[in-house]
Amino acid sequence: MQKTVLMSLDTLFDSKTGKRSTVIQGMILFKNTSLFHAKEQQERERLQVAYETADSENKAKTEFMNRMSHDIRTPINGIAGMIDIIQKNWDDKEKLDDCLRKLRLSTDHLQALVNDVLEVNKISSGKMKLGKEPFNLEELMDEVSALLDIQIKENGITHEKHRIDLRHVKLIGSPLHLRQILINLLSNSIKYNKENGMINVFVGARGKNIIVEIQDTGIGIPKEKQKYIFNRYERIKASKGAYKEGSGLGLNIVKEIVNKFNGEIKLESEEGVGTKITLIIPKVEYDEEIYEAYYDDFNLKNDIMQKVDLEMSDICS
């Protein structure tokens, strides 16, 4: 409660007596300020949260830059070392094969880092656009599994795929970005899994949505880290307390693409037990005629573009 006192000093003239007298007048105002203080407290709390978020992001960005400088230097130094070994061992096929394998790993790692940075830049600048083309969901899932099959086997992980009520697999959408989401999530499930661990992937449909659930028996995510895990630059430590290779951008990219799909991503994780991520992505209503017409139109456009490219190459040659 706020109290305000107003005072005034006035001179009054009495016409009967012909005298002047001084009169002091006062007024006390009471104002209920509880609502004001409540709003002030809310604003203070909002500013505190904003400050902590900005501080956390700045620290994460600094850590990201430190990790990136290390993660980039490591494969570059490895590539330089492999080139030196190759130059000295032209006649040793076994050593050459080993060096070439390591060169491939180093270049793949560098490419993944660069791709993540470029993708985040595209998202930040608002240039990321979802495609609209026909694709087969079941075939896309098989492609993702094939791409990651070597990593899964090298890590001794059991990978099981489950299809639940998946009757309509011919869809129209952005298979490129859906593939990117699945590869990022499954790569994390492999990277942070335990020795001889397991990954279960459930794919199904619920109403007008595609539902993808990825469960792993990995190291899990600490509870205090879970609310930040989709933030840019965030990473968790592996079981031995060290960070795994990577940019720390993958899950943020996933979150941004899912938002573009007008979808939803849910995380459940328990440290030392594993993680479950659920994707809910709206799908185009299935219609055979629309799909086939779209597919034919899509192929026609591709044929036209290829013809234009050929004609341009003839002109330029």
C-alpha atoms as a PDB file:
ATOM      1  CA  MET A   1       0.000   0.000   0.000  1.00  0.00           C
ATOM      2  CA  GLN A   2       1.404   3.402  -1.013  1.00  0.00           C
ATOM      3  CA  LYS A   3       0.490   6.499   1.050  1.00  0.00           C
ATOM      4  CA  THR A   4       0.711  10.075  -0.319  1.00  0.00           C
ATOM      5  CA  VAL A   5       0.075  13.198   1.820  1.00  0.00           C
ATOM      6  CA  LEU A   6      -0.888  16.463   0.092  1.00  0.00           C
ATOM      7  CA  MET A   7      -0.686  19.704   2.147  1.00  0.00           C
ATOM      8  CA  SER A   8      -1.703  23.254   1.266  1.00  0.00           C
ATOM      9  CA  LEU A   9      -1.450  26.599   3.089  1.00  0.00           C
ATOM     10  CA  ASP A  10      -4.297  29.051   2.404  1.00  0.00           C
ATOM     11  CA  THR A  11      -5.310  32.501   3.722  1.00  0.00           C
ATOM     12  CA  LEU A  12      -9.010  33.093   4.422  1.00  0.00           C
ATOM     13  CA  PHE A  13     -10.714  36.495   4.879  1.00  0.00           C
ATOM     14  CA  ASP A  14     -13.658  36.757   7.291  1.00  0.00           C
ATOM     15  CA  SER A  15     -15.967  39.519   6.013  1.00  0.00           C
ATOM     16  CA  LYS A  16     -17.803  39.764   9.337  1.00  0.00           C
ATOM     17  CA  THR A  17     -14.734  40.379  11.492  1.00  0.00           C
ATOM     18  CA  GLY A  18     -12.590  41.903   8.769  1.00  0.00           C
ATOM     19  CA  LYS A  19      -9.712  39.628   9.774  1.00  0.00           C
ATOM     20  CA  ARG A  20      -7.492  37.256   7.824  1.00  0.00           C
ATOM     21  CA  SER A  21      -6.600  33.774   9.068  1.00  0.00           C
ATOM     22  CA  THR A  22      -4.210  31.071   7.907  1.00  0.00           C
ATOM     23  CA  VAL A  23      -5.648  27.619   7.235  1.00  0.00           C
ATOM     24  CA  ILE A  24      -3.620  24.444   6.662  1.00  0.00           C
ATOM     25  CA  GLN A  25      -5.417  21.777   4.613  1.00  0.00           C
ATOM     26  CA  GLY A  26      -4.292  18.186   4.197  1.00  0.00           C
ATOM     27  CA  MET A  27      -5.278  15.176   2.120  1.00  0.00           C
ATOM     28  CA  ILE A  28      -4.035  11.602   2.450  1.00  0.00           C
ATOM     29  CA  LEU A  29      -4.173   9.368  -0.643  1.00  0.00           C
ATOM     30  CA  PHE A  30      -3.883   5.596  -0.438  1.00  0.00           C
ATOM     31  CA  LYS A  31      -2.993   3.510  -3.505  1.00  0.00           C
ATOM     32  CA  ASN A  32      -2.902  -0.270  -3.830  1.00  0.00           C
ATOM     33  CA  THR A  33       0.505  -0.964  -5.484  1.00  0.00           C
ATOM     34  CA  SER A  34       0.517  -4.747  -5.148  1.00  0.00           C
ATOM     35  CA  LEU A  35      -0.279  -5.199  -8.866  1.00  0.00           C
ATOM     36  CA  PHE A  36       2.529  -2.817  -9.822  1.00  0.00           C
ATOM     37  CA  HIS A  37       5.025  -4.655  -7.617  1.00  0.00           C
ATOM     38  CA  ALA A  38       3.863  -8.014  -8.995  1.00  0.00           C
ATOM     39  CA  LYS A  39       4.453  -6.799 -12.562  1.00  0.00           C
ATOM     40  CA  GLU A  40       7.805  -5.327 -11.541  1.00  0.00           C
ATOM     41  CA  GLN A  41       8.814  -8.686 -10.041  1.00  0.00           C
ATOM     42  CA  GLN A  42       7.695 -10.518 -13.207  1.00  0.00           C
ATOM     43  CA  GLU A  43       9.757  -8.157 -15.351  1.00  0.00           C
ATOM     44  CA  ARG A  44      12.801  -8.666 -13.115  1.00  0.00           C
ATOM     45  CA  GLU A  45      12.404 -12.433 -13.421  1.00  0.00           C
ATOM     46  CA  ARG A  46      11.980 -12.171 -17.208  1.00  0.00           C
ATOM     47  CA  LEU A  47      15.142 -10.082 -17.510  1.00  0.00           C
ATOM     48  CA  GLN A  48      17.016 -12.533 -15.276  1.00  0.00           C
ATOM     49  CA  VAL A  49      15.966 -15.478 -17.473  1.00  0.00           C
ATOM     50  CA  ALA A  50      16.933 -13.521 -20.604  1.00  0.00           C
ATOM     51  CA  TYR A  51      20.319 -12.691 -19.084  1.00  0.00           C
ATOM     52  CA  GLU A  52      20.977 -16.301 -18.059  1.00  0.00           C
ATOM     53  CA  THR A  53      19.949 -17.531 -21.527  1.00  0.00           C
ATOM     54  CA  ALA A  54      22.211 -15.010 -23.249  1.00  0.00           C
ATOM     55  CA  ASP A  55      25.049 -15.827 -20.864  1.00  0.00           C
ATOM     56  CA  SER A  56      24.592 -19.556 -21.472  1.00  0.00           C
ATOM     57  CA  GLU A  57      24.538 -19.027 -25.249  1.00  0.00           C
ATOM     58  CA  ASN A  58      27.688 -16.885 -25.112  1.00  0.00           C
ATOM     59  CA  LYS A  59      29.519 -19.507 -23.055  1.00  0.00           C
ATOM     60  CA  ALA A  60      28.300 -22.254 -25.396  1.00  0.00           C
ATOM     61  CA  LYS A  61      29.433 -20.189 -28.409  1.00  0.00           C
ATOM     62  CA  THR A  62      32.884 -19.698 -26.886  1.00  0.00           C
ATOM     63  CA  GLU A  63      33.170 -23.420 -26.160  1.00  0.00           C
ATOM     64  CA  PHE A  64      31.947 -24.128 -29.700  1.00  0.00           C
ATOM     65  CA  MET A  65      34.654 -21.929 -31.245  1.00  0.00           C
ATOM     66  CA  ASN A  66      37.322 -23.596 -29.095  1.00  0.00           C
ATOM     67  CA  ARG A  67      36.075 -27.070 -30.041  1.00  0.00           C
ATOM     68  CA  MET A  68      35.738 -26.178 -33.721  1.00  0.00           C
ATOM     69  CA  SER A  69      39.304 -24.888 -33.908  1.00  0.00           C
ATOM     70  CA  HIS A  70      40.455 -28.184 -32.378  1.00  0.00           C
ATOM     71  CA  ASP A  71      38.079 -30.347 -34.440  1.00  0.00           C
ATOM     72  CA  ILE A  72      39.184 -28.678 -37.672  1.00  0.00           C
ATOM     73  CA  ARG A  73      42.915 -28.752 -36.908  1.00  0.00           C
ATOM     74  CA  THR A  74      42.869 -32.442 -35.932  1.00  0.00           C
ATOM     75  CA  PRO A  75      41.726 -33.867 -39.315  1.00  0.00           C
ATOM     76  CA  ILE A  76      43.821 -31.322 -41.250  1.00  0.00           C
ATOM     77  CA  ASN A  77      46.935 -32.414 -39.342  1.00  0.00           C
ATOM     78  CA  GLY A  78      45.898 -36.028 -39.951  1.00  0.00           C
ATOM     79  CA  ILE A  79      45.534 -35.402 -43.703  1.00  0.00           C
ATOM     80  CA  ALA A  80      48.954 -33.737 -43.850  1.00  0.00           C
ATOM     81  CA  GLY A  81      50.480 -36.675 -41.958  1.00  0.00           C
ATOM     82  CA  MET A  82      48.848 -39.248 -44.249  1.00  0.00           C
ATOM     83  CA  ILE A  83      50.150 -37.427 -47.344  1.00  0.00           C
ATOM     84  CA  ASP A  84      53.695 -37.559 -45.939  1.00  0.00           C
ATOM     85  CA  ILE A  85      53.343 -41.302 -45.264  1.00  0.00           C
ATOM     86  CA  ILE A  86      51.943 -41.942 -48.775  1.00  0.00           C
ATOM     87  CA  GLN A  87      54.835 -40.054 -50.395  1.00  0.00           C
ATOM     88  CA  LYS A  88      57.327 -42.274 -48.557  1.00  0.00           C
ATOM     89  CA  ASN A  89      55.511 -45.582 -49.131  1.00  0.00           C
ATOM     90  CA  TRP A  90      54.410 -45.697 -52.779  1.00  0.00           C
ATOM     91  CA  ASP A  91      55.240 -49.407 -53.017  1.00  0.00           C
ATOM     92  CA  ASP A  92      53.490 -50.519 -49.809  1.00  0.00           C
ATOM     93  CA  LYS A  93      49.891 -51.226 -50.892  1.00  0.00           C
ATOM     94  CA  GLU A  94      48.717 -52.159 -47.382  1.00  0.00           C
ATOM     95  CA  LYS A  95      50.002 -48.890 -45.925  1.00  0.00           C
ATOM     96  CA  LEU A  96      48.551 -46.918 -48.832  1.00  0.00           C
ATOM     97  CA  ASP A  97      45.106 -48.489 -48.308  1.00  0.00           C
ATOM     98  CA  ASP A  98      45.254 -47.690 -44.590  1.00  0.00           C
ATOM     99  CA  CYS A  99      46.249 -44.068 -45.311  1.00  0.00           C
ATOM    100  CA  LEU A 100      43.496 -43.662 -47.909  1.00  0.00           C
ATOM    101  CA  ARG A 101      40.929 -45.019 -45.440  1.00  0.00           C
ATOM    102  CA  LYS A 102      42.069 -42.511 -42.814  1.00  0.00           C
ATOM    103  CA  LEU A 103      42.053 -39.713 -45.391  1.00  0.00           C
ATOM    104  CA  ARG A 104      38.442 -40.552 -46.204  1.00  0.00           C
ATOM    105  CA  LEU A 105      37.492 -40.465 -42.502  1.00  0.00           C
ATOM    106  CA  SER A 106      39.205 -37.087 -42.040  1.00  0.00           C
ATOM    107  CA  THR A 107      37.606 -35.514 -45.110  1.00  0.00           C
ATOM    108  CA  ASP A 108      34.171 -36.896 -44.144  1.00  0.00           C
ATOM    109  CA  HIS A 109      34.572 -35.357 -40.693  1.00  0.00           C
ATOM    110  CA  LEU A 110      35.587 -31.979 -42.138  1.00  0.00           C
ATOM    111  CA  GLN A 111      32.704 -32.073 -44.600  1.00  0.00           C
ATOM    112  CA  ALA A 112      30.216 -32.808 -41.809  1.00  0.00           C
ATOM    113  CA  LEU A 113      31.503 -29.832 -39.783  1.00  0.00           C
ATOM    114  CA  VAL A 114      31.328 -27.479 -42.766  1.00  0.00           C
ATOM    115  CA  ASN A 115      27.850 -28.720 -43.741  1.00  0.00           C
ATOM    116  CA  ASP A 116      26.528 -28.088 -40.226  1.00  0.00           C
ATOM    117  CA  VAL A 117      27.912 -24.538 -40.156  1.00  0.00           C
ATOM    118  CA  LEU A 118      26.500 -23.792 -43.623  1.00  0.00           C
ATOM    119  CA  GLU A 119      23.106 -25.258 -42.702  1.00  0.00           C
ATOM    120  CA  VAL A 120      22.889 -23.147 -39.528  1.00  0.00           C
ATOM    121  CA  ASN A 121      23.838 -20.051 -41.539  1.00  0.00           C
ATOM    122  CA  LYS A 122      21.079 -20.873 -44.042  1.00  0.00           C
ATOM    123  CA  ILE A 123      18.558 -21.270 -41.205  1.00  0.00           C
ATOM    124  CA  SER A 124      19.653 -18.027 -39.501  1.00  0.00           C
ATOM    125  CA  SER A 125      19.338 -16.044 -42.733  1.00  0.00           C
ATOM    126  CA  GLY A 126      15.885 -17.496 -43.450  1.00  0.00           C
ATOM    127  CA  LYS A 127      17.058 -19.093 -46.707  1.00  0.00           C
ATOM    128  CA  MET A 128      16.158 -22.666 -45.815  1.00  0.00           C
ATOM    129  CA  LYS A 129      13.138 -23.793 -47.839  1.00  0.00           C
ATOM    130  CA  LEU A 130      11.379 -27.122 -47.686  1.00  0.00           C
ATOM    131  CA  GLY A 131      10.967 -28.962 -50.964  1.00  0.00           C
ATOM    132  CA  LYS A 132       7.748 -30.401 -52.349  1.00  0.00           C
ATOM    133  CA  GLU A 133       8.369 -33.604 -54.222  1.00  0.00           C
ATOM    134  CA  PRO A 134       7.055 -37.165 -54.229  1.00  0.00           C
ATOM    135  CA  PHE A 135       8.862 -39.755 -52.136  1.00  0.00           C
ATOM    136  CA  ASN A 136       8.341 -43.147 -50.590  1.00  0.00           C
ATOM    137  CA  LEU A 137       8.696 -43.036 -46.812  1.00  0.00           C
ATOM    138  CA  GLU A 138       9.628 -46.704 -46.487  1.00  0.00           C
ATOM    139  CA  GLU A 139      12.331 -46.388 -49.144  1.00  0.00           C
ATOM    140  CA  LEU A 140      13.671 -43.242 -47.440  1.00  0.00           C
ATOM    141  CA  MET A 141      13.942 -45.091 -44.104  1.00  0.00           C
ATOM    142  CA  ASP A 142      15.818 -47.931 -45.820  1.00  0.00           C
ATOM    143  CA  GLU A 143      18.210 -45.424 -47.438  1.00  0.00           C
ATOM    144  CA  VAL A 144      18.981 -43.847 -44.053  1.00  0.00           C
ATOM    145  CA  SER A 145      19.660 -47.289 -42.541  1.00  0.00           C
ATOM    146  CA  ALA A 146      21.963 -48.180 -45.460  1.00  0.00           C
ATOM    147  CA  LEU A 147      23.909 -44.921 -45.068  1.00  0.00           C
ATOM    148  CA  LEU A 148      24.565 -45.606 -41.383  1.00  0.00           C
ATOM    149  CA  ASP A 149      24.946 -49.379 -41.615  1.00  0.00           C
ATOM    150  CA  ILE A 150      28.781 -49.318 -41.551  1.00  0.00           C
ATOM    151  CA  GLN A 151      28.876 -47.103 -38.438  1.00  0.00           C
ATOM    152  CA  ILE A 152      26.320 -49.343 -36.725  1.00  0.00           C
ATOM    153  CA  LYS A 153      28.328 -52.497 -37.421  1.00  0.00           C
ATOM    154  CA  GLU A 154      31.676 -50.904 -36.487  1.00  0.00           C
ATOM    155  CA  ASN A 155      30.229 -49.983 -33.080  1.00  0.00           C
ATOM    156  CA  GLY A 156      28.704 -53.446 -32.514  1.00  0.00           C
ATOM    157  CA  ILE A 157      25.208 -51.956 -32.206  1.00  0.00           C
ATOM    158  CA  THR A 158      22.021 -53.895 -32.830  1.00  0.00           C
ATOM    159  CA  HIS A 159      19.644 -51.879 -34.999  1.00  0.00           C
ATOM    160  CA  GLU A 160      15.996 -52.925 -35.306  1.00  0.00           C
ATOM    161  CA  LYS A 161      13.329 -51.256 -37.465  1.00  0.00           C
ATOM    162  CA  HIS A 162       9.609 -51.467 -36.722  1.00  0.00           C
ATOM    163  CA  ARG A 163       6.720 -50.384 -38.964  1.00  0.00           C
ATOM    164  CA  ILE A 164       3.480 -49.660 -37.120  1.00  0.00           C
ATOM    165  CA  ASP A 165       0.222 -49.041 -39.004  1.00  0.00           C
ATOM    166  CA  LEU A 166       2.164 -47.631 -41.936  1.00  0.00           C
ATOM    167  CA  ARG A 167      -0.250 -48.200 -44.804  1.00  0.00           C
ATOM    168  CA  HIS A 168       0.374 -45.119 -46.932  1.00  0.00           C
ATOM    169  CA  VAL A 169       4.064 -44.615 -47.698  1.00  0.00           C
ATOM    170  CA  LYS A 170       3.814 -42.556 -50.906  1.00  0.00           C
ATOM    171  CA  LEU A 171       3.938 -38.925 -49.786  1.00  0.00           C
ATOM    172  CA  ILE A 172       4.684 -35.452 -51.078  1.00  0.00           C
ATOM    173  CA  GLY A 173       7.067 -33.302 -49.093  1.00  0.00           C
ATOM    174  CA  SER A 174      10.760 -32.641 -48.468  1.00  0.00           C
ATOM    175  CA  PRO A 175      12.606 -35.987 -48.355  1.00  0.00           C
ATOM    176  CA  LEU A 176      15.976 -34.209 -48.289  1.00  0.00           C
ATOM    177  CA  HIS A 177      15.220 -32.515 -44.955  1.00  0.00           C
ATOM    178  CA  LEU A 178      13.428 -35.532 -43.474  1.00  0.00           C
ATOM    179  CA  ARG A 179      16.489 -37.639 -44.344  1.00  0.00           C
ATOM    180  CA  GLN A 180      18.726 -35.026 -42.706  1.00  0.00           C
ATOM    181  CA  ILE A 181      16.664 -35.150 -39.497  1.00  0.00           C
ATOM    182  CA  LEU A 182      16.823 -38.949 -39.305  1.00  0.00           C
ATOM    183  CA  ILE A 183      20.551 -39.133 -40.093  1.00  0.00           C
ATOM    184  CA  ASN A 184      21.366 -36.534 -37.411  1.00  0.00           C
ATOM    185  CA  LEU A 185      19.281 -38.294 -34.756  1.00  0.00           C
ATOM    186  CA  LEU A 186      20.497 -41.795 -35.594  1.00  0.00           C
ATOM    187  CA  SER A 187      24.123 -40.597 -35.768  1.00  0.00           C
ATOM    188  CA  ASN A 188      23.771 -39.328 -32.206  1.00  0.00           C
ATOM    189  CA  SER A 189      22.236 -42.634 -31.105  1.00  0.00           C
ATOM    190  CA  ILE A 190      25.272 -44.410 -32.559  1.00  0.00           C
ATOM    191  CA  LYS A 191      27.843 -41.910 -31.291  1.00  0.00           C
ATOM    192  CA  TYR A 192      26.583 -41.859 -27.698  1.00  0.00           C
ATOM    193  CA  ASN A 193      25.575 -45.501 -27.412  1.00  0.00           C
ATOM    194  CA  LYS A 194      27.187 -48.080 -25.168  1.00  0.00           C
ATOM    195  CA  GLU A 195      29.340 -50.944 -26.384  1.00  0.00           C
ATOM    196  CA  ASN A 196      27.092 -53.604 -27.958  1.00  0.00           C
ATOM    197  CA  GLY A 197      24.159 -51.256 -27.436  1.00  0.00           C
ATOM    198  CA  MET A 198      20.824 -51.188 -29.208  1.00  0.00           C
ATOM    199  CA  ILE A 199      18.798 -48.783 -31.359  1.00  0.00           C
ATOM    200  CA  ASN A 200      15.099 -49.297 -32.059  1.00  0.00           C
ATOM    201  CA  VAL A 201      13.360 -47.210 -34.699  1.00  0.00           C
ATOM    202  CA  PHE A 202       9.547 -47.177 -34.815  1.00  0.00           C
ATOM    203  CA  VAL A 203       7.817 -45.583 -37.810  1.00  0.00           C
ATOM    204  CA  GLY A 204       4.070 -45.219 -38.032  1.00  0.00           C
ATOM    205  CA  ALA A 205       1.156 -42.934 -38.719  1.00  0.00           C
ATOM    206  CA  ARG A 206      -1.296 -41.323 -36.345  1.00  0.00           C
ATOM    207  CA  GLY A 207      -4.098 -39.379 -37.994  1.00  0.00           C
ATOM    208  CA  LYS A 208      -2.515 -36.880 -40.366  1.00  0.00           C
ATOM    209  CA  ASN A 209       0.954 -37.210 -38.840  1.00  0.00           C
ATOM    210  CA  ILE A 210       4.040 -39.315 -39.402  1.00  0.00           C
ATOM    211  CA  ILE A 211       5.392 -40.609 -36.096  1.00  0.00           C
ATOM    212  CA  VAL A 212       9.059 -41.613 -35.804  1.00  0.00           C
ATOM    213  CA  GLU A 213      10.408 -42.839 -32.485  1.00  0.00           C
ATOM    214  CA  ILE A 214      14.118 -43.523 -31.956  1.00  0.00           C
ATOM    215  CA  GLN A 215      15.143 -45.357 -28.788  1.00  0.00           C
ATOM    216  CA  ASP A 216      18.719 -46.112 -27.808  1.00  0.00           C
ATOM    217  CA  THR A 217      20.568 -47.684 -24.895  1.00  0.00           C
ATOM    218  CA  GLY A 218      23.148 -44.897 -24.806  1.00  0.00           C
ATOM    219  CA  ILE A 219      24.670 -42.869 -21.997  1.00  0.00           C
ATOM    220  CA  GLY A 220      21.580 -40.664 -21.699  1.00  0.00           C
ATOM    221  CA  ILE A 221      21.381 -36.916 -21.175  1.00  0.00           C
ATOM    222  CA  PRO A 222      21.699 -35.346 -17.705  1.00  0.00           C
ATOM    223  CA  LYS A 223      18.403 -33.875 -16.519  1.00  0.00           C
ATOM    224  CA  GLU A 224      19.830 -30.366 -16.132  1.00  0.00           C
ATOM    225  CA  LYS A 225      21.077 -30.475 -19.741  1.00  0.00           C
ATOM    226  CA  GLN A 226      17.846 -31.664 -21.364  1.00  0.00           C
ATOM    227  CA  LYS A 227      16.172 -28.249 -21.641  1.00  0.00           C
ATOM    228  CA  TYR A 228      19.231 -26.872 -23.462  1.00  0.00           C
ATOM    229  CA  ILE A 229      20.023 -29.876 -25.683  1.00  0.00           C
ATOM    230  CA  PHE A 230      18.338 -28.395 -28.789  1.00  0.00           C
ATOM    231  CA  ASN A 231      20.135 -25.068 -28.354  1.00  0.00           C
ATOM    232  CA  ARG A 232      22.832 -24.114 -30.804  1.00  0.00           C
ATOM    233  CA  TYR A 233      26.391 -25.193 -29.847  1.00  0.00           C
ATOM    234  CA  GLU A 234      25.244 -27.519 -27.037  1.00  0.00           C
ATOM    235  CA  ARG A 235      26.932 -30.912 -26.647  1.00  0.00           C
ATOM    236  CA  ILE A 236      27.030 -33.563 -23.957  1.00  0.00           C
ATOM    237  CA  LYS A 237      30.046 -35.460 -22.739  1.00  0.00           C
ATOM    238  CA  ALA A 238      30.589 -39.107 -23.536  1.00  0.00           C
ATOM    239  CA  SER A 239      30.853 -41.756 -20.843  1.00  0.00           C
ATOM    240  CA  LYS A 240      34.580 -41.093 -20.324  1.00  0.00           C
ATOM    241  CA  GLY A 241      33.970 -37.392 -19.652  1.00  0.00           C
ATOM    242  CA  ALA A 242      35.234 -36.150 -23.026  1.00  0.00           C
ATOM    243  CA  TYR A 243      33.256 -34.540 -25.817  1.00  0.00           C
ATOM    244  CA  LYS A 244      32.601 -36.610 -28.918  1.00  0.00           C
ATOM    245  CA  GLU A 245      33.630 -35.197 -32.281  1.00  0.00           C
ATOM    246  CA  GLY A 246      31.034 -32.921 -33.847  1.00  0.00           C
ATOM    247  CA  SER A 247      29.926 -29.326 -34.217  1.00  0.00           C
ATOM    248  CA  GLY A 248      27.238 -29.250 -31.523  1.00  0.00           C
ATOM    249  CA  LEU A 249      24.833 -27.951 -34.180  1.00  0.00           C
ATOM    250  CA  GLY A 250      23.113 -31.171 -35.253  1.00  0.00           C
ATOM    251  CA  LEU A 251      20.204 -31.191 -32.797  1.00  0.00           C
ATOM    252  CA  ASN A 252      19.595 -27.484 -33.275  1.00  0.00           C
ATOM    253  CA  ILE A 253      19.379 -28.068 -37.032  1.00  0.00           C
ATOM    254  CA  VAL A 254      16.917 -30.920 -36.384  1.00  0.00           C
ATOM    255  CA  LYS A 255      14.765 -28.678 -34.180  1.00  0.00           C
ATOM    256  CA  GLU A 256      14.731 -25.852 -36.752  1.00  0.00           C
ATOM    257  CA  ILE A 257      13.766 -28.202 -39.614  1.00  0.00           C
ATOM    258  CA  VAL A 258      11.020 -29.820 -37.516  1.00  0.00           C
ATOM    259  CA  ASN A 259       9.665 -26.338 -36.781  1.00  0.00           C
ATOM    260  CA  LYS A 260       9.674 -25.641 -40.531  1.00  0.00           C
ATOM    261  CA  PHE A 261       7.595 -28.798 -40.996  1.00  0.00           C
ATOM    262  CA  ASN A 262       5.168 -27.420 -38.352  1.00  0.00           C
ATOM    263  CA  GLY A 263       6.016 -30.577 -36.471  1.00  0.00           C
ATOM    264  CA  GLU A 264       7.028 -31.439 -32.933  1.00  0.00           C
ATOM    265  CA  ILE A 265      10.005 -33.173 -31.326  1.00  0.00           C
ATOM    266  CA  LYS A 266       9.933 -34.725 -27.848  1.00  0.00           C
ATOM    267  CA  LEU A 267      12.833 -35.907 -25.738  1.00  0.00           C
ATOM    268  CA  GLU A 268      12.877 -38.432 -22.903  1.00  0.00           C
ATOM    269  CA  SER A 269      16.220 -39.425 -21.448  1.00  0.00           C
ATOM    270  CA  GLU A 270      17.701 -40.987 -18.356  1.00  0.00           C
ATOM    271  CA  GLU A 271      21.392 -40.775 -17.624  1.00  0.00           C
ATOM    272  CA  GLY A 272      23.037 -44.186 -17.876  1.00  0.00           C
ATOM    273  CA  VAL A 273      19.898 -45.791 -19.352  1.00  0.00           C
ATOM    274  CA  GLY A 274      19.281 -44.226 -22.768  1.00  0.00           C
ATOM    275  CA  THR A 275      17.307 -41.723 -24.788  1.00  0.00           C
ATOM    276  CA  LYS A 276      14.016 -41.720 -26.674  1.00  0.00           C
ATOM    277  CA  ILE A 277      13.232 -39.057 -29.262  1.00  0.00           C
ATOM    278  CA  THR A 278       9.796 -38.807 -30.838  1.00  0.00           C
ATOM    279  CA  LEU A 279       9.169 -36.939 -34.083  1.00  0.00           C
ATOM    280  CA  ILE A 280       5.660 -35.835 -35.045  1.00  0.00           C
ATOM    281  CA  ILE A 281       5.554 -34.474 -38.595  1.00  0.00           C
ATOM    282  CA  PRO A 282       2.394 -33.561 -40.561  1.00  0.00           C
ATOM    283  CA  LYS A 283       2.034 -35.475 -43.825  1.00  0.00           C
ATOM    284  CA  VAL A 284       0.178 -34.691 -47.034  1.00  0.00           C
ATOM    285  CA  GLU A 285      -3.086 -36.608 -47.343  1.00  0.00           C
ATOM    286  CA  TYR A 286      -2.421 -39.658 -49.521  1.00  0.00           C
ATOM    287  CA  ASP A 287      -4.063 -39.695 -52.938  1.00  0.00           C
ATOM    288  CA  GLU A 288      -2.868 -42.026 -55.707  1.00  0.00           C
ATOM    289  CA  GLU A 289      -3.977 -39.757 -58.569  1.00  0.00           C
ATOM    290  CA  ILE A 290      -2.468 -36.615 -57.036  1.00  0.00           C
ATOM    291  CA  TYR A 291       0.736 -38.487 -56.219  1.00  0.00           C
ATOM    292  CA  GLU A 292       1.124 -39.921 -59.734  1.00  0.00           C
ATOM    293  CA  ALA A 293       0.291 -36.558 -61.369  1.00  0.00           C
ATOM    294  CA  TYR A 294       2.773 -34.760 -59.124  1.00  0.00           C
ATOM    295  CA  TYR A 295       5.384 -37.431 -59.719  1.00  0.00           C
ATOM    296  CA  ASP A 296       4.948 -37.199 -63.533  1.00  0.00           C
ATOM    297  CA  ASP A 297       5.127 -33.381 -63.361  1.00  0.00           C
ATOM    298  CA  PHE A 298       8.239 -33.575 -61.170  1.00  0.00           C
ATOM    299  CA  ASN A 299       9.963 -35.939 -63.626  1.00  0.00           C
ATOM    300  CA  LEU A 300       8.928 -33.728 -66.554  1.00  0.00           C
ATOM    301  CA  LYS A 301      10.513 -30.692 -64.897  1.00  0.00           C
ATOM    302  CA  ASN A 302      13.700 -32.679 -64.263  1.00  0.00           C
ATOM    303  CA  ASP A 303      13.788 -33.804 -67.916  1.00  0.00           C
ATOM    304  CA  ILE A 304      13.358 -30.195 -69.076  1.00  0.00           C
ATOM    305  CA  MET A 305      16.150 -28.973 -66.752  1.00  0.00           C
ATOM    306  CA  GLN A 306      18.484 -31.745 -67.953  1.00  0.00           C
ATOM    307  CA  LYS A 307      17.710 -30.802 -71.580  1.00  0.00           C
ATOM    308  CA  VAL A 308      18.442 -27.124 -70.842  1.00  0.00           C
ATOM    309  CA  ASP A 309      21.733 -28.115 -69.165  1.00  0.00           C
ATOM    310  CA  LEU A 310      22.722 -30.166 -72.223  1.00  0.00           C
ATOM    311  CA  GLU A 311      21.860 -27.314 -74.598  1.00  0.00           C
ATOM    312  CA  MET A 312      23.783 -24.822 -72.461  1.00  0.00           C
ATOM    313  CA  SER A 313      26.814 -27.132 -72.435  1.00  0.00           C
ATOM    314  CA  ASP A 314      26.670 -27.288 -76.255  1.00  0.00           C
ATOM    315  CA  ILE A 315      26.538 -23.490 -76.433  1.00  0.00           C
ATOM    316  CA  CYS A 316      29.394 -23.039 -73.969  1.00  0.00           C
ATOM    317  CA  SER A 317      31.651 -25.701 -75.519  1.00  0.00           C
END
